PDB file of N, CA and C in Angstrom:
ATOM      1  N   MET A   1      21.639  -6.382 -36.600  1.00  0.00           N
ATOM      2  CA  MET A   1      21.473  -5.355 -35.602  1.00  0.00           C
ATOM      3  C   MET A   1      22.099  -5.855 -34.293  1.00  0.00           C
ATOM      4  N   ASN A   2      22.840  -4.985 -33.646  1.00  0.00           N
ATOM      5  CA  ASN A   2      23.489  -5.317 -32.389  1.00  0.00           C
ATOM      6  C   ASN A   2      22.738  -4.627 -31.255  1.00  0.00           C
ATOM      7  N   LEU A   3      21.927  -5.381 -30.512  1.00  0.00           N
ATOM      8  CA  LEU A   3      21.127  -4.811 -29.426  1.00  0.00           C
ATOM      9  C   LEU A   3      21.975  -4.611 -28.172  1.00  0.00           C
ATOM     10  N   ARG A   4      21.848  -3.456 -27.585  1.00  0.00           N
ATOM     11  CA  ARG A   4      22.526  -3.185 -26.321  1.00  0.00           C
ATOM     12  C   ARG A   4      21.667  -3.758 -25.199  1.00  0.00           C
ATOM     13  N   SER A   5      22.272  -4.469 -24.285  1.00  0.00           N
ATOM     14  CA  SER A   5      21.554  -5.101 -23.185  1.00  0.00           C
ATOM     15  C   SER A   5      20.927  -4.069 -22.258  1.00  0.00           C
ATOM     16  N   ALA A   6      19.712  -4.362 -21.820  1.00  0.00           N
ATOM     17  CA  ALA A   6      19.053  -3.498 -20.842  1.00  0.00           C
ATOM     18  C   ALA A   6      19.848  -3.461 -19.538  1.00  0.00           C
ATOM     19  N   MET A   7      20.567  -4.522 -19.251  1.00  0.00           N
ATOM     20  CA  MET A   7      21.371  -4.578 -18.030  1.00  0.00           C
ATOM     21  C   MET A   7      22.503  -3.550 -18.045  1.00  0.00           C
ATOM     22  N   THR A   8      22.951  -3.142 -19.202  1.00  0.00           N
ATOM     23  CA  THR A   8      23.982  -2.102 -19.274  1.00  0.00           C
ATOM     24  C   THR A   8      23.372  -0.713 -19.329  1.00  0.00           C
ATOM     25  N   LEU A   9      22.121  -0.616 -19.781  1.00  0.00           N
ATOM     26  CA  LEU A   9      21.442   0.674 -19.875  1.00  0.00           C
ATOM     27  C   LEU A   9      20.874   1.123 -18.529  1.00  0.00           C
ATOM     28  N   LEU A  10      20.240   0.222 -17.804  1.00  0.00           N
ATOM     29  CA  LEU A  10      19.550   0.590 -16.566  1.00  0.00           C
ATOM     30  C   LEU A  10      20.438   1.307 -15.552  1.00  0.00           C
ATOM     31  N   PRO A  11      21.681   0.880 -15.322  1.00  0.00           N
ATOM     32  CA  PRO A  11      22.512   1.606 -14.357  1.00  0.00           C
ATOM     33  C   PRO A  11      22.828   3.041 -14.775  1.00  0.00           C
ATOM     34  N   GLU A  12      22.644   3.384 -16.037  1.00  0.00           N
ATOM     35  CA  GLU A  12      22.910   4.741 -16.512  1.00  0.00           C
ATOM     36  C   GLU A  12      21.744   5.689 -16.259  1.00  0.00           C
ATOM     37  N   LEU A  13      20.559   5.155 -16.026  1.00  0.00           N
ATOM     38  CA  LEU A  13      19.378   6.002 -15.832  1.00  0.00           C
ATOM     39  C   LEU A  13      19.486   6.740 -14.500  1.00  0.00           C
ATOM     40  N   ARG A  14      19.394   8.043 -14.571  1.00  0.00           N
ATOM     41  CA  ARG A  14      19.522   8.930 -13.409  1.00  0.00           C
ATOM     42  C   ARG A  14      20.807   8.633 -12.633  1.00  0.00           C
ATOM     43  N   ASP A  15      21.875   8.366 -13.360  1.00  0.00           N
ATOM     44  CA  ASP A  15      23.193   8.097 -12.762  1.00  0.00           C
ATOM     45  C   ASP A  15      23.141   6.985 -11.718  1.00  0.00           C
ATOM     46  N   GLY A  16      22.344   5.953 -12.000  1.00  0.00           N
ATOM     47  CA  GLY A  16      22.271   4.793 -11.113  1.00  0.00           C
ATOM     48  C   GLY A  16      21.213   4.886 -10.036  1.00  0.00           C
ATOM     49  N   ARG A  17      20.603   6.046  -9.853  1.00  0.00           N
ATOM     50  CA  ARG A  17      19.600   6.203  -8.797  1.00  0.00           C
ATOM     51  C   ARG A  17      18.338   5.387  -9.077  1.00  0.00           C
ATOM     52  N   ALA A  18      18.011   5.155 -10.342  1.00  0.00           N
ATOM     53  CA  ALA A  18      16.820   4.353 -10.664  1.00  0.00           C
ATOM     54  C   ALA A  18      17.002   2.914 -10.171  1.00  0.00           C
ATOM     55  N   ILE A  19      18.198   2.367 -10.355  1.00  0.00           N
ATOM     56  CA  ILE A  19      18.473   1.003  -9.894  1.00  0.00           C
ATOM     57  C   ILE A  19      18.485   0.948  -8.364  1.00  0.00           C
ATOM     58  N   THR A  20      19.056   1.963  -7.740  1.00  0.00           N
ATOM     59  CA  THR A  20      19.070   2.025  -6.275  1.00  0.00           C
ATOM     60  C   THR A  20      17.640   2.083  -5.739  1.00  0.00           C
ATOM     61  N   GLU A  21      16.811   2.918  -6.366  1.00  0.00           N
ATOM     62  CA  GLU A  21      15.408   3.034  -5.977  1.00  0.00           C
ATOM     63  C   GLU A  21      14.676   1.704  -6.159  1.00  0.00           C
ATOM     64  N   LEU A  22      14.938   1.023  -7.266  1.00  0.00           N
ATOM     65  CA  LEU A  22      14.325  -0.276  -7.514  1.00  0.00           C
ATOM     66  C   LEU A  22      14.721  -1.269  -6.423  1.00  0.00           C
ATOM     67  N   SER A  23      15.984  -1.269  -6.045  1.00  0.00           N
ATOM     68  CA  SER A  23      16.462  -2.167  -4.985  1.00  0.00           C
ATOM     69  C   SER A  23      15.777  -1.857  -3.658  1.00  0.00           C
ATOM     70  N   GLU A  24      15.604  -0.581  -3.346  1.00  0.00           N
ATOM     71  CA  GLU A  24      14.928  -0.195  -2.104  1.00  0.00           C
ATOM     72  C   GLU A  24      13.473  -0.658  -2.102  1.00  0.00           C
ATOM     73  N   HIS A  25      12.797  -0.503  -3.239  1.00  0.00           N
ATOM     74  CA  HIS A  25      11.403  -0.949  -3.341  1.00  0.00           C
ATOM     75  C   HIS A  25      11.317  -2.465  -3.170  1.00  0.00           C
ATOM     76  N   ILE A  26      12.248  -3.185  -3.751  1.00  0.00           N
ATOM     77  CA  ILE A  26      12.254  -4.646  -3.612  1.00  0.00           C
ATOM     78  C   ILE A  26      12.441  -5.035  -2.149  1.00  0.00           C
ATOM     79  N   HIS A  27      13.371  -4.377  -1.468  1.00  0.00           N
ATOM     80  CA  HIS A  27      13.631  -4.672  -0.065  1.00  0.00           C
ATOM     81  C   HIS A  27      12.381  -4.426   0.791  1.00  0.00           C
ATOM     82  N   LYS A  28      11.716  -3.284   0.580  1.00  0.00           N
ATOM     83  CA  LYS A  28      10.498  -2.958   1.327  1.00  0.00           C
ATOM     84  C   LYS A  28       9.378  -3.942   1.004  1.00  0.00           C
ATOM     85  N   ALA A  29       9.286  -4.350  -0.255  1.00  0.00           N
ATOM     86  CA  ALA A  29       8.238  -5.291  -0.668  1.00  0.00           C
ATOM     87  C   ALA A  29       8.427  -6.644   0.011  1.00  0.00           C
ATOM     88  N   ILE A  30       9.658  -7.106   0.084  1.00  0.00           N
ATOM     89  CA  ILE A  30       9.936  -8.394   0.738  1.00  0.00           C
ATOM     90  C   ILE A  30       9.501  -8.336   2.199  1.00  0.00           C
ATOM     91  N   ALA A  31       9.850  -7.259   2.897  1.00  0.00           N
ATOM     92  CA  ALA A  31       9.471  -7.120   4.300  1.00  0.00           C
ATOM     93  C   ALA A  31       7.948  -7.087   4.466  1.00  0.00           C
ATOM     94  N   ALA A  32       7.251  -6.360   3.590  1.00  0.00           N
ATOM     95  CA  ALA A  32       5.795  -6.261   3.681  1.00  0.00           C
ATOM     96  C   ALA A  32       5.117  -7.593   3.363  1.00  0.00           C
ATOM     97  N   VAL A  33       5.635  -8.326   2.390  1.00  0.00           N
ATOM     98  CA  VAL A  33       5.077  -9.636   2.039  1.00  0.00           C
ATOM     99  C   VAL A  33       5.230 -10.597   3.209  1.00  0.00           C
ATOM    100  N   ARG A  34       6.386 -10.575   3.827  1.00  0.00           N
ATOM    101  CA  ARG A  34       6.617 -11.458   4.988  1.00  0.00           C
ATOM    102  C   ARG A  34       5.741 -11.062   6.167  1.00  0.00           C
ATOM    103  N   ALA A  35       5.547  -9.776   6.376  1.00  0.00           N
ATOM    104  CA  ALA A  35       4.773  -9.300   7.521  1.00  0.00           C
ATOM    105  C   ALA A  35       3.280  -9.562   7.370  1.00  0.00           C
ATOM    106  N   HIS A  36       2.767  -9.463   6.129  1.00  0.00           N
ATOM    107  CA  HIS A  36       1.315  -9.529   5.931  1.00  0.00           C
ATOM    108  C   HIS A  36       0.841 -10.749   5.160  1.00  0.00           C
ATOM    109  N   GLY A  37       1.771 -11.542   4.619  1.00  0.00           N
ATOM    110  CA  GLY A  37       1.380 -12.743   3.895  1.00  0.00           C
ATOM    111  C   GLY A  37       0.587 -12.474   2.634  1.00  0.00           C
ATOM    112  N   LYS A  38       0.805 -11.317   2.036  1.00  0.00           N
ATOM    113  CA  LYS A  38       0.111 -10.944   0.809  1.00  0.00           C
ATOM    114  C   LYS A  38       1.154 -10.498  -0.213  1.00  0.00           C
ATOM    115  N   SER A  39       0.761 -10.454  -1.477  1.00  0.00           N
ATOM    116  CA  SER A  39       1.710 -10.108  -2.536  1.00  0.00           C
ATOM    117  C   SER A  39       1.907  -8.601  -2.673  1.00  0.00           C
ATOM    118  N   ALA A  40       3.059  -8.246  -3.222  1.00  0.00           N
ATOM    119  CA  ALA A  40       3.405  -6.856  -3.521  1.00  0.00           C
ATOM    120  C   ALA A  40       3.603  -6.737  -5.026  1.00  0.00           C
ATOM    121  N   LYS A  41       3.559  -5.508  -5.522  1.00  0.00           N
ATOM    122  CA  LYS A  41       3.769  -5.278  -6.945  1.00  0.00           C
ATOM    123  C   LYS A  41       4.713  -4.092  -7.107  1.00  0.00           C
ATOM    124  N   ILE A  42       5.767  -4.291  -7.886  1.00  0.00           N
ATOM    125  CA  ILE A  42       6.733  -3.230  -8.147  1.00  0.00           C
ATOM    126  C   ILE A  42       6.736  -2.964  -9.641  1.00  0.00           C
ATOM    127  N   THR A  43       6.699  -1.682  -9.998  1.00  0.00           N
ATOM    128  CA  THR A  43       6.682  -1.294 -11.394  1.00  0.00           C
ATOM    129  C   THR A  43       7.842  -0.359 -11.683  1.00  0.00           C
ATOM    130  N   LEU A  44       8.623  -0.711 -12.687  1.00  0.00           N
ATOM    131  CA  LEU A  44       9.649   0.179 -13.211  1.00  0.00           C
ATOM    132  C   LEU A  44       9.127   0.663 -14.549  1.00  0.00           C
ATOM    133  N   GLU A  45       8.821   1.943 -14.623  1.00  0.00           N
ATOM    134  CA  GLU A  45       8.269   2.515 -15.854  1.00  0.00           C
ATOM    135  C   GLU A  45       9.330   3.399 -16.494  1.00  0.00           C
ATOM    136  N   ILE A  46       9.634   3.123 -17.747  1.00  0.00           N
ATOM    137  CA  ILE A  46      10.615   3.905 -18.491  1.00  0.00           C
ATOM    138  C   ILE A  46       9.897   4.593 -19.641  1.00  0.00           C
ATOM    139  N   THR A  47       9.957   5.911 -19.638  1.00  0.00           N
ATOM    140  CA  THR A  47       9.354   6.702 -20.705  1.00  0.00           C
ATOM    141  C   THR A  47      10.479   7.243 -21.575  1.00  0.00           C
ATOM    142  N   ILE A  48      10.387   6.990 -22.867  1.00  0.00           N
ATOM    143  CA  ILE A  48      11.381   7.464 -23.831  1.00  0.00           C
ATOM    144  C   ILE A  48      10.694   8.496 -24.710  1.00  0.00           C
ATOM    145  N   ALA A  49      11.289   9.685 -24.796  1.00  0.00           N
ATOM    146  CA  ALA A  49      10.658  10.781 -25.538  1.00  0.00           C
ATOM    147  C   ALA A  49      11.717  11.613 -26.253  1.00  0.00           C
ATOM    148  N   PRO A  50      11.289  12.358 -27.270  1.00  0.00           N
ATOM    149  CA  PRO A  50      12.239  13.276 -27.913  1.00  0.00           C
ATOM    150  C   PRO A  50      12.552  14.424 -26.962  1.00  0.00           C
ATOM    151  N   LEU A  51      13.718  14.995 -27.082  1.00  0.00           N
ATOM    152  CA  LEU A  51      14.097  16.151 -26.280  1.00  0.00           C
ATOM    153  C   LEU A  51      13.227  17.333 -26.695  1.00  0.00           C
ATOM    154  N   LYS A  52      12.612  17.970 -25.716  1.00  0.00           N
ATOM    155  CA  LYS A  52      11.757  19.126 -26.001  1.00  0.00           C
ATOM    156  C   LYS A  52      12.569  20.398 -25.789  1.00  0.00           C
ATOM    157  N   GLY A  53      12.603  21.223 -26.770  1.00  0.00           N
ATOM    158  CA  GLY A  53      13.308  22.499 -26.669  1.00  0.00           C
ATOM    159  C   GLY A  53      14.815  22.328 -26.664  1.00  0.00           C
ATOM    160  N   GLY A  54      15.469  22.885 -27.580  1.00  0.00           N
ATOM    161  CA  GLY A  54      16.924  22.834 -27.640  1.00  0.00           C
ATOM    162  C   GLY A  54      17.481  21.711 -28.483  1.00  0.00           C
ATOM    163  N   ALA A  55      16.624  20.891 -29.066  1.00  0.00           N
ATOM    164  CA  ALA A  55      17.102  19.771 -29.883  1.00  0.00           C
ATOM    165  C   ALA A  55      17.856  20.257 -31.113  1.00  0.00           C
ATOM    166  N   GLU A  56      17.532  21.463 -31.564  1.00  0.00           N
ATOM    167  CA  GLU A  56      18.184  22.008 -32.768  1.00  0.00           C
ATOM    168  C   GLU A  56      19.662  22.316 -32.527  1.00  0.00           C
ATOM    169  N   LYS A  57      20.090  22.364 -31.282  1.00  0.00           N
ATOM    170  CA  LYS A  57      21.497  22.623 -30.950  1.00  0.00           C
ATOM    171  C   LYS A  57      22.384  21.416 -31.231  1.00  0.00           C
ATOM    172  N   PHE A  58      21.774  20.270 -31.414  1.00  0.00           N
ATOM    173  CA  PHE A  58      22.524  19.033 -31.615  1.00  0.00           C
ATOM    174  C   PHE A  58      22.550  18.660 -33.094  1.00  0.00           C
ATOM    175  N   VAL A  59      23.617  18.010 -33.501  1.00  0.00           N
ATOM    176  CA  VAL A  59      23.734  17.518 -34.870  1.00  0.00           C
ATOM    177  C   VAL A  59      22.728  16.394 -35.080  1.00  0.00           C
ATOM    178  N   GLU A  60      22.603  15.555 -34.074  1.00  0.00           N
ATOM    179  CA  GLU A  60      21.666  14.432 -34.123  1.00  0.00           C
ATOM    180  C   GLU A  60      20.635  14.644 -33.012  1.00  0.00           C
ATOM    181  N   ALA A  61      19.355  14.467 -33.303  1.00  0.00           N
ATOM    182  CA  ALA A  61      18.294  14.712 -32.322  1.00  0.00           C
ATOM    183  C   ALA A  61      18.376  13.720 -31.161  1.00  0.00           C
ATOM    184  N   PRO A  62      18.605  14.220 -29.925  1.00  0.00           N
ATOM    185  CA  PRO A  62      18.679  13.319 -28.773  1.00  0.00           C
ATOM    186  C   PRO A  62      17.287  12.918 -28.281  1.00  0.00           C
ATOM    187  N   ILE A  63      17.263  11.899 -27.453  1.00  0.00           N
ATOM    188  CA  ILE A  63      16.034  11.437 -26.814  1.00  0.00           C
ATOM    189  C   ILE A  63      16.259  11.434 -25.306  1.00  0.00           C
ATOM    190  N   THR A  64      15.170  11.435 -24.565  1.00  0.00           N
ATOM    191  CA  THR A  64      15.265  11.412 -23.110  1.00  0.00           C
ATOM    192  C   THR A  64      14.687  10.107 -22.571  1.00  0.00           C
ATOM    193  N   PHE A  65      15.234   9.657 -21.454  1.00  0.00           N
ATOM    194  CA  PHE A  65      14.739   8.488 -20.735  1.00  0.00           C
ATOM    195  C   PHE A  65      14.311   8.961 -19.353  1.00  0.00           C
ATOM    196  N   LYS A  66      13.113   8.602 -18.964  1.00  0.00           N
ATOM    197  CA  LYS A  66      12.613   8.934 -17.628  1.00  0.00           C
ATOM    198  C   LYS A  66      12.243   7.618 -16.950  1.00  0.00           C
ATOM    199  N   ALA A  67      12.918   7.310 -15.840  1.00  0.00           N
ATOM    200  CA  ALA A  67      12.666   6.062 -15.114  1.00  0.00           C
ATOM    201  C   ALA A  67      11.975   6.376 -13.791  1.00  0.00           C
ATOM    202  N   GLU A  68      10.839   5.719 -13.571  1.00  0.00           N
ATOM    203  CA  GLU A  68      10.083   5.887 -12.334  1.00  0.00           C
ATOM    204  C   GLU A  68       9.801   4.516 -11.728  1.00  0.00           C
ATOM    205  N   VAL A  69      10.009   4.408 -10.431  1.00  0.00           N
ATOM    206  CA  VAL A  69       9.761   3.156  -9.718  1.00  0.00           C
ATOM    207  C   VAL A  69       8.607   3.378  -8.749  1.00  0.00           C
ATOM    208  N   GLU A  70       7.630   2.505  -8.800  1.00  0.00           N
ATOM    209  CA  GLU A  70       6.490   2.568  -7.892  1.00  0.00           C
ATOM    210  C   GLU A  70       6.223   1.184  -7.344  1.00  0.00           C
ATOM    211  N   SER A  71       5.659   1.129  -6.166  1.00  0.00           N
ATOM    212  CA  SER A  71       5.299  -0.173  -5.609  1.00  0.00           C
ATOM    213  C   SER A  71       3.964  -0.085  -4.891  1.00  0.00           C
ATOM    214  N   LYS A  72       3.280  -1.199  -4.916  1.00  0.00           N
ATOM    215  CA  LYS A  72       2.040  -1.354  -4.175  1.00  0.00           C
ATOM    216  C   LYS A  72       2.305  -2.453  -3.165  1.00  0.00           C
ATOM    217  N   LEU A  73       2.414  -2.046  -1.901  1.00  0.00           N
ATOM    218  CA  LEU A  73       2.777  -2.985  -0.844  1.00  0.00           C
ATOM    219  C   LEU A  73       1.533  -3.475  -0.116  1.00  0.00           C
ATOM    220  N   PRO A  74       1.575  -4.712   0.359  1.00  0.00           N
ATOM    221  CA  PRO A  74       0.431  -5.218   1.113  1.00  0.00           C
ATOM    222  C   PRO A  74       0.289  -4.449   2.425  1.00  0.00           C
ATOM    223  N   GLN A  75      -0.916  -4.285   2.845  1.00  0.00           N
ATOM    224  CA  GLN A  75      -1.222  -3.582   4.085  1.00  0.00           C
ATOM    225  C   GLN A  75      -1.925  -4.546   5.036  1.00  0.00           C
ATOM    226  N   PRO A  76      -1.838  -4.282   6.321  1.00  0.00           N
ATOM    227  CA  PRO A  76      -2.576  -5.132   7.260  1.00  0.00           C
ATOM    228  C   PRO A  76      -4.074  -4.956   7.043  1.00  0.00           C
ATOM    229  N   ASP A  77      -4.831  -5.992   7.343  1.00  0.00           N
ATOM    230  CA  ASP A  77      -6.284  -5.887   7.239  1.00  0.00           C
ATOM    231  C   ASP A  77      -6.779  -4.871   8.254  1.00  0.00           C
ATOM    232  N   ALA A  78      -7.760  -4.085   7.859  1.00  0.00           N
ATOM    233  CA  ALA A  78      -8.349  -3.101   8.768  1.00  0.00           C
ATOM    234  C   ALA A  78      -9.107  -3.839   9.868  1.00  0.00           C
ATOM    235  N   GLU A  79      -9.101  -3.247  11.059  1.00  0.00           N
ATOM    236  CA  GLU A  79      -9.838  -3.850  12.167  1.00  0.00           C
ATOM    237  C   GLU A  79     -11.334  -3.810  11.881  1.00  0.00           C
ATOM    238  N   GLU A  80     -12.015  -4.820  12.348  1.00  0.00           N
ATOM    239  CA  GLU A  80     -13.465  -4.877  12.182  1.00  0.00           C
ATOM    240  C   GLU A  80     -14.139  -4.479  13.490  1.00  0.00           C
ATOM    241  N   THR A  81     -15.313  -3.897  13.389  1.00  0.00           N
ATOM    242  CA  THR A  81     -16.108  -3.548  14.560  1.00  0.00           C
ATOM    243  C   THR A  81     -17.389  -4.351  14.496  1.00  0.00           C
ATOM    244  N   LEU A  82     -17.705  -5.052  15.567  1.00  0.00           N
ATOM    245  CA  LEU A  82     -18.923  -5.845  15.636  1.00  0.00           C
ATOM    246  C   LEU A  82     -20.101  -4.915  15.879  1.00  0.00           C
ATOM    247  N   MET A  83     -21.089  -4.979  15.000  1.00  0.00           N
ATOM    248  CA  MET A  83     -22.267  -4.126  15.106  1.00  0.00           C
ATOM    249  C   MET A  83     -23.519  -4.998  15.046  1.00  0.00           C
ATOM    250  N   PHE A  84     -24.590  -4.475  15.600  1.00  0.00           N
ATOM    251  CA  PHE A  84     -25.897  -5.101  15.538  1.00  0.00           C
ATOM    252  C   PHE A  84     -26.825  -4.159  14.790  1.00  0.00           C
ATOM    253  N   VAL A  85     -27.964  -4.641  14.389  1.00  0.00           N
ATOM    254  CA  VAL A  85     -28.943  -3.819  13.691  1.00  0.00           C
ATOM    255  C   VAL A  85     -30.168  -3.681  14.580  1.00  0.00           C
ATOM    256  N   ASP A  86     -30.571  -2.428  14.856  1.00  0.00           N
ATOM    257  CA  ASP A  86     -31.730  -2.215  15.716  1.00  0.00           C
ATOM    258  C   ASP A  86     -33.028  -2.400  14.918  1.00  0.00           C
ATOM    259  N   VAL A  87     -34.154  -2.222  15.585  1.00  0.00           N
ATOM    260  CA  VAL A  87     -35.458  -2.456  14.952  1.00  0.00           C
ATOM    261  C   VAL A  87     -35.726  -1.501  13.801  1.00  0.00           C
ATOM    262  N   ASP A  88     -35.042  -0.356  13.778  1.00  0.00           N
ATOM    263  CA  ASP A  88     -35.222   0.607  12.698  1.00  0.00           C
ATOM    264  C   ASP A  88     -34.228   0.390  11.560  1.00  0.00           C
ATOM    265  N   GLY A  89     -33.389  -0.638  11.681  1.00  0.00           N
ATOM    266  CA  GLY A  89     -32.428  -0.945  10.636  1.00  0.00           C
ATOM    267  C   GLY A  89     -31.127  -0.172  10.735  1.00  0.00           C
ATOM    268  N   ASN A  90     -30.886   0.456  11.889  1.00  0.00           N
ATOM    269  CA  ASN A  90     -29.662   1.231  12.085  1.00  0.00           C
ATOM    270  C   ASN A  90     -28.589   0.390  12.764  1.00  0.00           C
ATOM    271  N   PRO A  91     -27.308   0.618  12.413  1.00  0.00           N
ATOM    272  CA  PRO A  91     -26.248  -0.105  13.090  1.00  0.00           C
ATOM    273  C   PRO A  91     -26.054   0.433  14.504  1.00  0.00           C
ATOM    274  N   THR A  92     -25.788  -0.467  15.431  1.00  0.00           N
ATOM    275  CA  THR A  92     -25.566  -0.087  16.826  1.00  0.00           C
ATOM    276  C   THR A  92     -24.574  -1.050  17.457  1.00  0.00           C
ATOM    277  N   ARG A  93     -23.845  -0.588  18.447  1.00  0.00           N
ATOM    278  CA  ARG A  93     -22.901  -1.444  19.153  1.00  0.00           C
ATOM    279  C   ARG A  93     -23.627  -2.335  20.159  1.00  0.00           C
ATOM    280  N   ASN A  94     -24.872  -1.995  20.503  1.00  0.00           N
ATOM    281  CA  ASN A  94     -25.626  -2.748  21.503  1.00  0.00           C
ATOM    282  C   ASN A  94     -26.502  -3.796  20.827  1.00  0.00           C
ATOM    283  N   PRO A  95     -26.566  -4.975  21.405  1.00  0.00           N
ATOM    284  CA  PRO A  95     -27.436  -6.001  20.830  1.00  0.00           C
ATOM    285  C   PRO A  95     -28.904  -5.591  20.962  1.00  0.00           C
ATOM    286  N   SER A  96     -29.731  -6.178  20.125  1.00  0.00           N
ATOM    287  CA  SER A  96     -31.154  -5.818  20.103  1.00  0.00           C
ATOM    288  C   SER A  96     -31.857  -6.282  21.367  1.00  0.00           C
ATOM    289  N   GLU A  97     -33.108  -5.851  21.486  1.00  0.00           N
ATOM    290  CA  GLU A  97     -33.925  -6.238  22.629  1.00  0.00           C
ATOM    291  C   GLU A  97     -34.153  -7.749  22.655  1.00  0.00           C
ATOM    292  N   ARG A  98     -33.953  -8.409  21.532  1.00  0.00           N
ATOM    293  CA  ARG A  98     -34.145  -9.863  21.479  1.00  0.00           C
ATOM    294  C   ARG A  98     -33.112 -10.593  22.314  1.00  0.00           C
ATOM    295  N   GLN A  99     -31.935  -9.971  22.494  1.00  0.00           N
ATOM    296  CA  GLN A  99     -30.907 -10.588  23.335  1.00  0.00           C
ATOM    297  C   GLN A  99     -31.054 -10.033  24.736  1.00  0.00           C
ATOM    298  N   LYS A 100     -31.322 -10.885  25.659  1.00  0.00           N
ATOM    299  CA  LYS A 100     -31.520 -10.461  27.044  1.00  0.00           C
ATOM    300  C   LYS A 100     -30.171 -10.287  27.729  1.00  0.00           C
ATOM    301  N   SER A 101     -30.086  -9.323  28.608  1.00  0.00           N
ATOM    302  CA  SER A 101     -28.886  -9.070  29.387  1.00  0.00           C
ATOM    303  C   SER A 101     -28.791 -10.113  30.483  1.00  0.00           C
ATOM    304  N   LEU A 102     -27.601 -10.549  30.805  1.00  0.00           N
ATOM    305  CA  LEU A 102     -27.403 -11.539  31.862  1.00  0.00           C
ATOM    306  C   LEU A 102     -27.380 -10.901  33.243  1.00  0.00           C
ATOM    307  N   GLY A 103     -27.164  -9.584  33.314  1.00  0.00           N
ATOM    308  CA  GLY A 103     -27.161  -8.897  34.598  1.00  0.00           C
ATOM    309  C   GLY A 103     -26.007  -9.314  35.493  1.00  0.00           C
ATOM    310  N   LEU A 104     -24.861  -9.544  34.928  1.00  0.00           N
ATOM    311  CA  LEU A 104     -23.702  -9.973  35.712  1.00  0.00           C
ATOM    312  C   LEU A 104     -23.021  -8.774  36.349  1.00  0.00           C
ATOM    313  N   ASN A 105     -22.387  -8.994  37.489  1.00  0.00           N
ATOM    314  CA  ASN A 105     -21.643  -7.959  38.194  1.00  0.00           C
ATOM    315  C   ASN A 105     -20.238  -8.455  38.477  1.00  0.00           C
ATOM    316  N   VAL A 106     -19.363  -7.512  38.757  1.00  0.00           N
ATOM    317  CA  VAL A 106     -18.010  -7.856  39.177  1.00  0.00           C
ATOM    318  C   VAL A 106     -18.110  -8.396  40.588  1.00  0.00           C
ATOM    319  N   ALA A 107     -17.403  -9.482  40.885  1.00  0.00           N
ATOM    320  CA  ALA A 107     -17.460 -10.106  42.210  1.00  0.00           C
ATOM    321  C   ALA A 107     -17.128  -9.089  43.291  1.00  0.00           C
ATOM    322  N   GLY A 108     -17.949  -9.052  44.340  1.00  0.00           N
ATOM    323  CA  GLY A 108     -17.716  -8.135  45.441  1.00  0.00           C
ATOM    324  C   GLY A 108     -18.194  -6.726  45.173  1.00  0.00           C
ATOM    325  N   HIS A 109     -18.865  -6.503  44.044  1.00  0.00           N
ATOM    326  CA  HIS A 109     -19.326  -5.162  43.679  1.00  0.00           C
ATOM    327  C   HIS A 109     -20.777  -5.259  43.241  1.00  0.00           C
ATOM    328  N   GLN A 110     -21.612  -4.419  43.796  1.00  0.00           N
ATOM    329  CA  GLN A 110     -23.016  -4.425  43.383  1.00  0.00           C
ATOM    330  C   GLN A 110     -23.261  -3.274  42.433  1.00  0.00           C
ATOM    331  N   ASP A 111     -23.972  -3.564  41.357  1.00  0.00           N
ATOM    332  CA  ASP A 111     -24.355  -2.537  40.391  1.00  0.00           C
ATOM    333  C   ASP A 111     -25.447  -1.698  41.011  1.00  0.00           C
ATOM    334  N   SER A 112     -25.512  -0.419  40.723  1.00  0.00           N
ATOM    335  CA  SER A 112     -26.513   0.484  41.293  1.00  0.00           C
ATOM    336  C   SER A 112     -27.926   0.039  40.942  1.00  0.00           C
ATOM    337  N   LYS A 113     -28.103  -0.668  39.844  1.00  0.00           N
ATOM    338  CA  LYS A 113     -29.425  -1.133  39.431  1.00  0.00           C
ATOM    339  C   LYS A 113     -29.897  -2.286  40.320  1.00  0.00           C
ATOM    340  N   THR A 114     -28.943  -3.120  40.782  1.00  0.00           N
ATOM    341  CA  THR A 114     -29.327  -4.309  41.553  1.00  0.00           C
ATOM    342  C   THR A 114     -29.201  -4.091  43.045  1.00  0.00           C
ATOM    343  N   ALA A 115     -28.594  -2.963  43.467  1.00  0.00           N
ATOM    344  CA  ALA A 115     -28.409  -2.698  44.905  1.00  0.00           C
ATOM    345  C   ALA A 115     -29.752  -2.360  45.540  1.00  0.00           C
ATOM    346  N   THR A 116     -29.952  -2.819  46.774  1.00  0.00           N
ATOM    347  CA  THR A 116     -31.214  -2.550  47.482  1.00  0.00           C
ATOM    348  C   THR A 116     -31.027  -1.607  48.618  1.00  0.00           C
TER     349      THR A 116
END
């Protein structure tokens, strides 16, 4: 059996657009990996199926190739928000009553609470 190389078949899929798309995904993946320090995943999926409808027009039954390129690129970590838990167990941006306020003011400015 004489196997045809995948390297000669791939450029024929979608008139070369599948290979172009794969190259674009690789380029974007490299940039994302460098930017975020995490791995990327690129998938080239080739579906081979019999021709649906109209196959009887051919002497020999043709098959179809469908090439799809997908990638999962690393994303930046989501920002975190510091929260405290109040006495009722609810999240709050304010520290609990257990943490006392220092009562600091901006230099040269008196807070209305501390002004006499």
